[in-house]
Amino acid sequence: MLDIIRVNVYIYNVDDNNKPTTAITSTPSTAILSGGTLKRINVFFVMSVSVSGNFAIVIENNTSRKILNIGFNNATATTYGEGLSYIYYN
């Protein structure tokens, strides 16, 4: 039996410290993750989202008593053109 985790994905504006402040997307996109192996998950929003500056992707676990593990690239390397500057988990 595969574990299934539902997550809500939002896009947020960020402040000068790149901390998420207000949601750009009022309705989250929902992704369903299953299986126990690492994989890339694509998320699609119903309405197109336009951003003109820095933004944050916020992932919210929407399944009780399940742990969501997230992997990401090296924030200090510029190889990928992506840097993570703020990480928060609860």
N, C-alpha and C. Protein backbone atom coordinates (compact mmCIF):
# COMPACT_ATOMS: atom_id res chain seq x y z
N MET A 1 0.84 -1.19 0.00
CA MET A 1 0.00 0.00 0.00
C MET A 1 0.88 1.25 0.00
N LEU A 2 0.61 2.15 -0.89
CA LEU A 2 1.39 3.38 -0.99
C LEU A 2 0.85 4.46 -0.05
N ASP A 3 1.78 5.19 0.56
CA ASP A 3 1.36 6.36 1.33
C ASP A 3 0.97 7.45 0.36
N ILE A 4 -0.11 8.15 0.68
CA ILE A 4 -0.55 9.28 -0.14
C ILE A 4 -0.56 10.53 0.73
N ILE A 5 0.05 11.59 0.25
CA ILE A 5 0.08 12.87 0.95
C ILE A 5 -0.47 13.93 0.01
N ARG A 6 -1.45 14.69 0.48
CA ARG A 6 -2.00 15.81 -0.29
C ARG A 6 -1.34 17.09 0.24
N VAL A 7 -0.91 17.93 -0.68
CA VAL A 7 -0.28 19.20 -0.28
C VAL A 7 -0.95 20.34 -1.03
N ASN A 8 -0.98 21.49 -0.39
CA ASN A 8 -1.42 22.73 -1.03
C ASN A 8 -0.17 23.51 -1.40
N VAL A 9 -0.15 24.07 -2.60
CA VAL A 9 0.99 24.84 -3.07
C VAL A 9 0.52 26.25 -3.39
N TYR A 10 1.19 27.24 -2.79
CA TYR A 10 0.84 28.65 -2.98
C TYR A 10 2.06 29.40 -3.54
N ILE A 11 1.82 30.54 -4.16
CA ILE A 11 2.88 31.46 -4.54
C ILE A 11 2.67 32.73 -3.71
N TYR A 12 3.73 33.18 -3.04
CA TYR A 12 3.67 34.33 -2.14
C TYR A 12 4.59 35.45 -2.58
N ASN A 13 4.22 36.69 -2.26
CA ASN A 13 5.15 37.82 -2.32
C ASN A 13 6.13 37.64 -1.17
N VAL A 14 7.30 38.27 -1.28
CA VAL A 14 8.29 38.20 -0.21
C VAL A 14 8.73 39.61 0.19
N ASP A 15 9.25 39.71 1.41
CA ASP A 15 9.76 41.00 1.88
C ASP A 15 11.24 41.13 1.50
N ASP A 16 11.91 42.15 2.04
CA ASP A 16 13.31 42.40 1.70
C ASP A 16 14.25 41.28 2.14
N ASN A 17 13.80 40.48 3.12
CA ASN A 17 14.60 39.34 3.58
C ASN A 17 14.19 38.03 2.89
N ASN A 18 13.36 38.16 1.86
CA ASN A 18 12.82 37.02 1.11
C ASN A 18 11.94 36.11 1.95
N LYS A 19 11.35 36.65 2.99
CA LYS A 19 10.39 35.90 3.81
C LYS A 19 9.01 36.07 3.19
N PRO A 20 8.25 34.99 3.02
CA PRO A 20 6.90 35.10 2.45
C PRO A 20 6.01 36.03 3.27
N THR A 21 5.24 36.86 2.56
CA THR A 21 4.39 37.84 3.26
C THR A 21 2.91 37.63 2.93
N THR A 22 2.52 37.85 1.70
CA THR A 22 1.11 37.72 1.31
C THR A 22 1.00 36.82 0.09
N ALA A 23 -0.09 36.08 0.04
CA ALA A 23 -0.28 35.14 -1.06
C ALA A 23 -0.62 35.86 -2.35
N ILE A 24 0.01 35.48 -3.43
CA ILE A 24 -0.34 35.97 -4.77
C ILE A 24 -1.49 35.12 -5.29
N THR A 25 -1.47 33.84 -4.97
CA THR A 25 -2.53 32.92 -5.37
C THR A 25 -3.46 32.70 -4.19
N SER A 26 -4.70 33.08 -4.32
CA SER A 26 -5.65 32.93 -3.22
C SER A 26 -6.15 31.50 -3.10
N THR A 27 -6.17 30.78 -4.19
CA THR A 27 -6.57 29.37 -4.18
C THR A 27 -5.34 28.53 -4.47
N PRO A 28 -5.03 27.59 -3.58
CA PRO A 28 -3.82 26.79 -3.80
C PRO A 28 -4.02 25.77 -4.91
N SER A 29 -2.92 25.34 -5.45
CA SER A 29 -2.93 24.18 -6.32
C SER A 29 -2.73 22.97 -5.42
N THR A 30 -3.41 21.90 -5.69
CA THR A 30 -3.30 20.70 -4.87
C THR A 30 -2.52 19.64 -5.62
N ALA A 31 -1.54 19.08 -4.96
CA ALA A 31 -0.76 17.99 -5.53
C ALA A 31 -0.96 16.76 -4.66
N ILE A 32 -0.97 15.61 -5.28
CA ILE A 32 -1.09 14.35 -4.55
C ILE A 32 0.21 13.58 -4.77
N LEU A 33 0.91 13.30 -3.69
CA LEU A 33 2.18 12.61 -3.74
C LEU A 33 1.99 11.18 -3.26
N SER A 34 2.57 10.24 -3.94
CA SER A 34 2.44 8.85 -3.52
C SER A 34 3.76 8.13 -3.72
N GLY A 35 3.93 7.05 -3.00
CA GLY A 35 5.14 6.26 -3.13
C GLY A 35 6.21 6.72 -2.16
N GLY A 36 7.26 5.95 -2.08
CA GLY A 36 8.29 6.24 -1.11
C GLY A 36 9.61 6.65 -1.71
N THR A 37 9.66 6.88 -3.01
CA THR A 37 10.92 7.25 -3.65
C THR A 37 10.93 8.73 -3.97
N LEU A 38 12.13 9.28 -4.10
CA LEU A 38 12.25 10.68 -4.48
C LEU A 38 11.76 10.86 -5.90
N LYS A 39 11.02 11.93 -6.13
CA LYS A 39 10.53 12.19 -7.47
C LYS A 39 10.27 13.68 -7.64
N ARG A 40 10.20 14.10 -8.86
CA ARG A 40 9.86 15.49 -9.18
C ARG A 40 8.35 15.56 -9.35
N ILE A 41 7.73 16.54 -8.72
CA ILE A 41 6.29 16.72 -8.80
C ILE A 41 6.01 18.05 -9.49
N ASN A 42 5.21 18.05 -10.54
CA ASN A 42 4.79 19.27 -11.20
C ASN A 42 3.46 19.72 -10.63
N VAL A 43 3.32 21.01 -10.44
CA VAL A 43 2.08 21.59 -9.90
C VAL A 43 1.58 22.62 -10.89
N PHE A 44 0.29 22.56 -11.18
CA PHE A 44 -0.32 23.49 -12.12
C PHE A 44 -1.40 24.28 -11.41
N PHE A 45 -1.44 25.60 -11.63
CA PHE A 45 -2.46 26.47 -11.05
C PHE A 45 -3.58 26.66 -12.06
N VAL A 46 -4.81 26.73 -11.58
CA VAL A 46 -5.98 26.88 -12.45
C VAL A 46 -5.90 28.19 -13.22
N MET A 47 -5.57 29.26 -12.53
CA MET A 47 -5.40 30.58 -13.16
C MET A 47 -3.91 30.83 -13.34
N SER A 48 -3.54 31.51 -14.42
CA SER A 48 -2.13 31.82 -14.62
C SER A 48 -1.66 32.79 -13.53
N VAL A 49 -0.40 32.70 -13.18
CA VAL A 49 0.17 33.52 -12.11
C VAL A 49 1.28 34.35 -12.71
N SER A 50 1.22 35.65 -12.48
CA SER A 50 2.23 36.56 -12.99
C SER A 50 3.00 37.17 -11.82
N VAL A 51 4.31 37.10 -11.89
CA VAL A 51 5.16 37.71 -10.87
C VAL A 51 6.17 38.60 -11.57
N SER A 52 6.56 39.69 -10.90
CA SER A 52 7.52 40.60 -11.51
C SER A 52 8.78 40.77 -10.67
N GLY A 53 8.84 40.10 -9.56
CA GLY A 53 10.02 40.19 -8.70
C GLY A 53 10.24 38.87 -7.99
N ASN A 54 10.90 38.96 -6.85
CA ASN A 54 11.13 37.75 -6.08
C ASN A 54 9.81 37.20 -5.55
N PHE A 55 9.75 35.89 -5.41
CA PHE A 55 8.53 35.25 -4.90
C PHE A 55 8.92 33.98 -4.17
N ALA A 56 7.97 33.43 -3.46
CA ALA A 56 8.20 32.19 -2.71
C ALA A 56 7.17 31.15 -3.11
N ILE A 57 7.59 29.92 -3.11
CA ILE A 57 6.68 28.78 -3.26
C ILE A 57 6.46 28.23 -1.86
N VAL A 58 5.21 28.18 -1.43
CA VAL A 58 4.87 27.69 -0.10
C VAL A 58 4.14 26.35 -0.26
N ILE A 59 4.65 25.34 0.40
CA ILE A 59 4.07 24.00 0.33
C ILE A 59 3.52 23.66 1.71
N GLU A 60 2.24 23.33 1.74
CA GLU A 60 1.56 23.04 3.00
C GLU A 60 1.06 21.59 2.98
N ASN A 61 1.50 20.81 3.95
CA ASN A 61 1.03 19.44 4.07
C ASN A 61 -0.43 19.47 4.48
N ASN A 62 -1.28 18.81 3.71
CA ASN A 62 -2.72 18.85 3.95
C ASN A 62 -3.25 17.47 4.38
N THR A 63 -2.35 16.61 4.86
CA THR A 63 -2.73 15.27 5.27
C THR A 63 -2.29 15.06 6.71
N SER A 64 -3.23 14.80 7.59
CA SER A 64 -2.89 14.64 9.00
C SER A 64 -2.10 13.36 9.23
N ARG A 65 -1.22 13.40 10.18
CA ARG A 65 -0.38 12.29 10.63
C ARG A 65 0.53 11.74 9.54
N LYS A 66 0.89 12.57 8.58
CA LYS A 66 1.84 12.18 7.54
C LYS A 66 2.97 13.19 7.52
N ILE A 67 4.16 12.73 7.24
CA ILE A 67 5.33 13.60 7.16
C ILE A 67 5.67 13.82 5.69
N LEU A 68 5.87 15.06 5.31
CA LEU A 68 6.25 15.42 3.95
C LEU A 68 7.73 15.78 3.96
N ASN A 69 8.55 15.03 3.26
CA ASN A 69 9.97 15.32 3.14
C ASN A 69 10.20 16.06 1.84
N ILE A 70 10.94 17.16 1.91
CA ILE A 70 11.20 17.98 0.73
C ILE A 70 12.70 18.08 0.53
N GLY A 71 13.15 17.81 -0.68
CA GLY A 71 14.55 17.99 -1.02
C GLY A 71 14.68 19.18 -1.95
N PHE A 72 15.81 19.84 -1.90
CA PHE A 72 16.02 21.01 -2.77
C PHE A 72 17.48 21.12 -3.14
N ASN A 73 17.77 21.96 -4.12
CA ASN A 73 19.14 22.11 -4.58
C ASN A 73 19.96 22.89 -3.56
N ASN A 74 21.24 22.93 -3.79
CA ASN A 74 22.18 23.61 -2.91
C ASN A 74 21.97 25.12 -3.01
N ALA A 75 21.53 25.72 -1.92
CA ALA A 75 21.20 27.15 -1.93
C ALA A 75 22.42 28.03 -2.10
N THR A 76 23.61 27.52 -1.78
CA THR A 76 24.81 28.36 -1.89
C THR A 76 25.44 28.29 -3.27
N ALA A 77 25.05 27.33 -4.08
CA ALA A 77 25.61 27.20 -5.43
C ALA A 77 24.77 27.99 -6.42
N THR A 78 25.41 28.59 -7.38
CA THR A 78 24.66 29.33 -8.41
C THR A 78 24.55 28.51 -9.69
N THR A 79 24.93 27.26 -9.62
CA THR A 79 24.92 26.40 -10.80
C THR A 79 23.54 26.30 -11.43
N TYR A 80 22.51 26.20 -10.61
CA TYR A 80 21.17 25.98 -11.12
C TYR A 80 20.41 27.27 -11.39
N GLY A 81 20.96 28.41 -11.01
CA GLY A 81 20.26 29.67 -11.19
C GLY A 81 19.14 29.86 -10.17
N GLU A 82 19.09 29.00 -9.17
CA GLU A 82 18.07 29.09 -8.13
C GLU A 82 18.77 29.12 -6.79
N GLY A 83 18.38 30.03 -5.95
CA GLY A 83 18.90 30.05 -4.60
C GLY A 83 17.75 30.07 -3.62
N LEU A 84 17.85 29.28 -2.60
CA LEU A 84 16.83 29.31 -1.57
C LEU A 84 17.34 30.21 -0.45
N SER A 85 16.58 31.22 -0.13
CA SER A 85 17.07 32.17 0.85
C SER A 85 16.25 32.15 2.13
N TYR A 86 15.15 31.41 2.18
CA TYR A 86 14.34 31.36 3.39
C TYR A 86 13.68 30.00 3.49
N ILE A 87 13.92 29.30 4.56
CA ILE A 87 13.30 27.99 4.78
C ILE A 87 12.65 28.01 6.15
N TYR A 88 11.38 27.63 6.22
CA TYR A 88 10.65 27.55 7.48
C TYR A 88 9.85 26.27 7.48
N TYR A 89 9.86 25.58 8.57
CA TYR A 89 9.03 24.38 8.69
C TYR A 89 8.50 24.29 10.10
N ASN A 90 7.37 23.64 10.23
CA ASN A 90 6.72 23.52 11.52
C ASN A 90 6.28 22.09 11.71
